[in-house]
Protein backbone atom coordinates (compact mmCIF):
# COMPACT_ATOMS: atom_id res chain seq x y z
CA MET A 1 81.23 -15.61 40.18
CA THR A 2 79.81 -18.64 41.52
CA PRO A 3 77.67 -20.69 39.15
CA LEU A 4 74.39 -19.57 41.30
CA VAL A 5 75.31 -15.73 40.64
CA VAL A 6 75.73 -16.57 37.19
CA ALA A 7 72.59 -18.27 37.27
CA GLY A 8 70.89 -14.99 38.95
CA VAL A 9 72.45 -12.79 36.36
CA SER A 10 71.16 -15.08 33.54
CA ALA A 11 67.67 -14.92 34.86
CA LEU A 12 67.64 -10.92 35.32
CA GLY A 13 69.29 -11.11 31.80
CA LEU A 14 66.00 -12.77 30.47
CA VAL A 15 63.70 -10.41 31.98
CA ALA A 16 65.88 -7.44 30.55
CA GLY A 17 65.68 -9.37 27.47
CA ALA A 18 61.65 -8.61 27.33
CA TYR A 19 62.14 -4.96 27.78
CA VAL A 20 65.08 -4.63 25.12
CA ARG A 21 62.38 -6.50 22.70
CA ALA A 22 60.12 -3.93 23.21
CA PHE A 23 62.43 -0.88 23.36
CA ALA A 24 64.28 -2.00 19.95
CA ALA A 25 60.69 -2.51 18.27
CA GLY A 26 60.30 1.21 18.57
CA PHE A 27 63.01 2.26 16.24
CA GLY A 28 62.37 2.16 12.36
CA PRO A 29 64.43 2.25 9.20
CA ALA A 30 64.05 6.25 9.17
CA GLY A 31 64.88 7.78 12.52
CA HIS A 32 62.96 10.51 13.92
CA PRO A 33 63.42 13.17 16.91
CA GLY A 34 60.90 11.55 19.12
CA GLU A 35 61.69 7.77 18.50
CA LEU A 36 63.89 7.30 21.92
CA ARG A 37 61.15 8.63 24.09
CA GLU A 38 58.34 6.43 22.18
CA ALA A 39 60.69 3.32 22.41
CA PHE A 40 61.04 4.04 26.01
CA ASP A 41 57.25 4.23 26.44
CA THR A 42 56.44 1.15 24.79
CA ALA A 43 59.26 -0.73 26.93
CA VAL A 44 58.21 0.63 30.17
CA ARG A 45 54.41 -0.42 29.29
CA THR A 46 55.91 -4.09 28.42
CA ALA A 47 55.60 -6.86 31.15
CA PRO A 48 58.66 -8.48 31.74
CA VAL A 49 57.66 -11.70 30.29
CA PRO A 50 59.71 -13.57 27.75
CA ARG A 51 57.72 -14.27 24.31
CA ARG A 52 57.82 -16.35 21.38
CA PRO A 53 60.24 -16.97 19.66
CA TYR A 54 62.22 -15.68 22.56
CA VAL A 55 65.36 -14.89 20.56
CA VAL A 56 66.27 -11.54 22.30
CA GLU A 57 65.48 -12.46 25.81
CA ALA A 58 67.69 -15.78 25.31
CA ALA A 59 70.45 -13.64 23.58
CA THR A 60 70.40 -10.92 26.49
CA ALA A 61 70.65 -14.02 29.03
CA VAL A 62 73.40 -15.81 27.10
CA ALA A 63 75.32 -12.54 27.04
CA ALA A 64 74.87 -11.34 30.73
CA ALA A 65 75.73 -14.96 31.68
CA LEU A 66 78.89 -15.02 29.88
CA VAL A 67 80.01 -11.46 31.16
CA ALA A 68 79.21 -12.59 34.78
CA TRP A 69 81.06 -15.73 34.06
CA ARG A 70 84.21 -14.66 32.42
CA VAL A 71 84.59 -10.84 32.98
CA PRO A 72 84.64 -10.49 36.84
CA GLY A 73 88.44 -11.27 37.28
CA ALA A 74 89.00 -7.59 35.54
CA GLY A 75 87.08 -5.98 38.56
CA GLY A 76 84.09 -4.96 39.71
CA TRP A 77 83.84 -1.67 37.47
CA VAL A 78 84.77 -3.59 34.32
CA THR A 79 82.23 -6.09 35.14
CA ALA A 80 79.59 -3.24 35.53
CA ALA A 81 80.49 -1.74 32.20
CA TRP A 82 80.29 -4.93 30.43
CA LEU A 83 76.93 -5.79 31.77
CA TYR A 84 75.40 -2.55 30.55
CA ALA A 85 76.86 -3.16 27.14
CA ALA A 86 75.56 -6.75 27.23
CA VAL A 87 71.91 -4.97 27.58
CA VAL A 88 72.85 -2.25 25.05
CA GLY A 89 74.59 -4.52 22.88
CA VAL A 90 71.53 -6.96 22.08
CA THR A 91 69.45 -3.73 21.83
CA LEU A 92 71.89 -2.54 18.89
CA ALA A 93 72.16 -5.93 17.11
CA VAL A 94 68.25 -6.48 17.18
CA ILE A 95 67.77 -2.70 15.68
CA ASP A 96 70.30 -2.98 13.17
CA TRP A 97 69.65 -6.57 11.86
CA ARG A 98 65.98 -5.08 11.28
CA THR A 99 66.56 -1.65 10.51
CA TRP A 100 70.12 -1.11 8.88
CA ARG A 101 70.78 1.51 11.57
CA LEU A 102 72.79 1.99 14.77
CA PRO A 103 70.98 4.87 16.44
CA ASP A 104 73.18 7.65 17.70
CA VAL A 105 70.80 8.35 20.65
CA ILE A 106 71.84 4.90 22.16
CA THR A 107 75.54 4.87 20.78
CA LEU A 108 76.73 8.41 21.75
CA PRO A 109 75.28 8.56 25.29
CA SER A 110 76.99 5.06 25.79
CA TYR A 111 80.34 6.78 25.53
CA PRO A 112 80.25 8.79 28.83
CA VAL A 113 78.40 5.88 30.89
CA LEU A 114 81.05 3.36 29.81
CA LEU A 115 83.77 5.98 30.62
CA ALA A 116 82.37 6.60 33.95
CA LEU A 117 81.98 2.99 34.88
CA LEU A 118 85.68 2.41 33.53
CA ALA A 119 87.30 5.43 35.25
CA PRO A 120 87.58 3.58 38.66
CA SER A 121 89.00 0.09 37.47
CA GLY A 122 92.43 1.45 37.04
CA ARG A 123 92.04 0.92 33.20
CA TRP A 124 90.87 3.97 31.70
CA PHE A 125 94.29 4.39 29.66
CA ASP A 126 94.03 0.98 28.02
CA ALA A 127 90.60 1.40 27.27
CA ILE A 128 90.65 4.71 25.70
CA SER A 129 93.64 3.87 23.93
CA ALA A 130 92.13 0.63 22.35
CA GLY A 131 88.75 2.68 21.83
CA GLY A 132 90.62 5.22 19.74
CA VAL A 133 92.73 2.77 17.77
CA LEU A 134 89.78 0.75 16.60
CA VAL A 135 87.65 3.81 15.75
CA SER A 136 90.63 5.04 13.71
CA PHE A 137 90.87 1.77 11.97
CA TYR A 138 87.10 1.96 11.14
CA THR A 139 87.15 5.27 9.98
CA VAL A 140 89.65 4.38 7.51
CA MET A 141 87.58 1.54 6.46
CA TRP A 142 84.69 3.82 6.03
CA PHE A 143 86.68 6.10 3.66
CA GLY A 144 87.71 3.34 1.87
CA ARG A 145 84.33 1.77 1.21
CA PRO A 146 81.24 3.77 3.06
CA THR A 147 78.69 1.11 1.37
CA GLY A 148 80.50 -1.68 3.25
CA ILE A 149 80.91 -0.02 6.80
CA GLY A 150 78.51 2.84 8.17
CA LEU A 151 79.29 5.93 10.50
CA GLY A 152 77.21 3.82 12.93
CA ASP A 153 79.78 1.00 12.49
CA VAL A 154 82.48 3.45 13.26
CA LYS A 155 80.80 4.82 16.40
CA LEU A 156 80.40 1.36 17.66
CA ALA A 157 83.84 0.43 17.09
CA GLY A 158 84.89 2.88 19.63
CA LEU A 159 82.30 1.36 22.49
CA ILE A 160 83.82 -1.97 21.73
CA GLY A 161 87.27 -0.56 21.84
CA LEU A 162 86.71 0.82 25.46
CA LEU A 163 85.19 -2.27 26.55
CA THR A 164 87.55 -4.97 25.38
CA GLY A 165 90.65 -2.40 25.80
CA ALA A 166 89.78 -2.82 29.71
CA LEU A 167 90.75 -6.53 29.46
CA GLY A 168 93.72 -6.50 27.47
CA VAL A 169 95.42 -6.10 24.28
CA ARG A 170 94.66 -9.52 22.98
CA THR A 171 90.99 -9.10 23.54
CA ALA A 172 90.71 -5.96 22.00
CA VAL A 173 92.79 -7.20 18.84
CA ALA A 174 90.37 -10.27 18.67
CA ALA A 175 87.39 -8.45 18.76
CA GLY A 176 88.22 -6.22 15.92
CA MET A 177 89.22 -8.71 13.67
CA GLY A 178 86.58 -11.29 14.65
CA GLY A 179 83.85 -8.99 13.34
CA PHE A 180 85.20 -8.95 9.82
CA LEU A 181 85.77 -12.86 10.07
CA LEU A 182 82.24 -13.28 11.29
CA GLY A 183 80.94 -11.13 8.51
CA ALA A 184 83.15 -13.04 5.93
CA LEU A 185 81.87 -16.19 7.17
CA TYR A 186 78.18 -15.03 6.80
CA ALA A 187 78.97 -13.66 3.43
CA VAL A 188 80.42 -17.10 2.33
CA GLY A 189 77.27 -18.73 3.62
CA LEU A 190 75.23 -16.20 1.51
CA LEU A 191 77.07 -17.39 -1.52
CA VAL A 192 77.04 -21.17 -0.81
CA THR A 193 73.36 -21.06 -0.31
CA ARG A 194 72.86 -18.85 -3.32
CA ARG A 195 70.86 -16.30 -1.04
CA GLY A 196 73.31 -13.66 -2.02
CA THR A 197 76.16 -12.51 -4.33
CA ARG A 198 79.40 -10.76 -4.00
CA LYS A 199 77.59 -7.46 -3.95
CA THR A 200 75.26 -8.33 -1.49
CA GLU A 201 75.28 -6.05 1.69
CA PHE A 202 74.27 -6.95 5.07
CA PRO A 203 74.28 -5.01 8.79
CA PHE A 204 77.51 -5.33 10.15
CA GLY A 205 76.88 -3.97 13.54
CA PRO A 206 75.43 -7.49 15.26
CA PHE A 207 78.80 -9.33 13.74
CA MET A 208 81.07 -6.89 15.51
CA LEU A 209 79.03 -7.28 18.70
CA VAL A 210 79.24 -11.13 18.75
CA ALA A 211 83.00 -11.07 18.14
CA ALA A 212 83.36 -8.56 21.03
CA LEU A 213 81.46 -11.01 23.77
CA ALA A 214 83.30 -13.97 22.11
CA ALA A 215 86.64 -12.07 22.61
CA ALA A 216 85.60 -11.17 26.25
CA ALA A 217 84.60 -15.04 26.76
CA LEU A 218 87.64 -16.59 25.51
CA PRO A 219 90.74 -16.68 27.80
CA LEU A 220 93.11 -14.60 25.84
CA GLU A 221 94.81 -12.68 28.62
């Protein structure tokens, strides 16, 4: 896309970030049946104006801009899937970091949405294959260490596999490995700064999502 289009998408991402912030605030550490509706109600009543400290808005704008800049070569339907994922991904990252949850009411409906968007792209088989492989890998990790990898991470891995698989095998592999690398670097940082120990746990979803976006932005294929 042209720089003007990327700038426009980034501006829309900044506006969307205001809704993301309000929507994510509706989810707490313990889920309840009506939280999705309450979160939507809160977001709808929110003015689309960025607020301090602008972190969520900036993250959504950057994610959307990177997708608009790097993904269009894969085709319009793949780009649409990634733009959807940019907004949902920031939402999940914010919720997970604050509550240690990746709500099923967001991750599970995203499967049919992404599958529908990717179906006309001609990359459906690659996307489904990568999604299946990544889910299987994370499932094994969850069985091996359920305190380190949660079921929410397993479900998120499938979504990341669908998205990155549509871009190519190398992108999917980079995303899968990148999450663990970023998580390991963060753990080392906690140790070095003495803000944690080897047993310190932290939400893993944000690292998976950042790695997926980074893999999409890099010229791997």
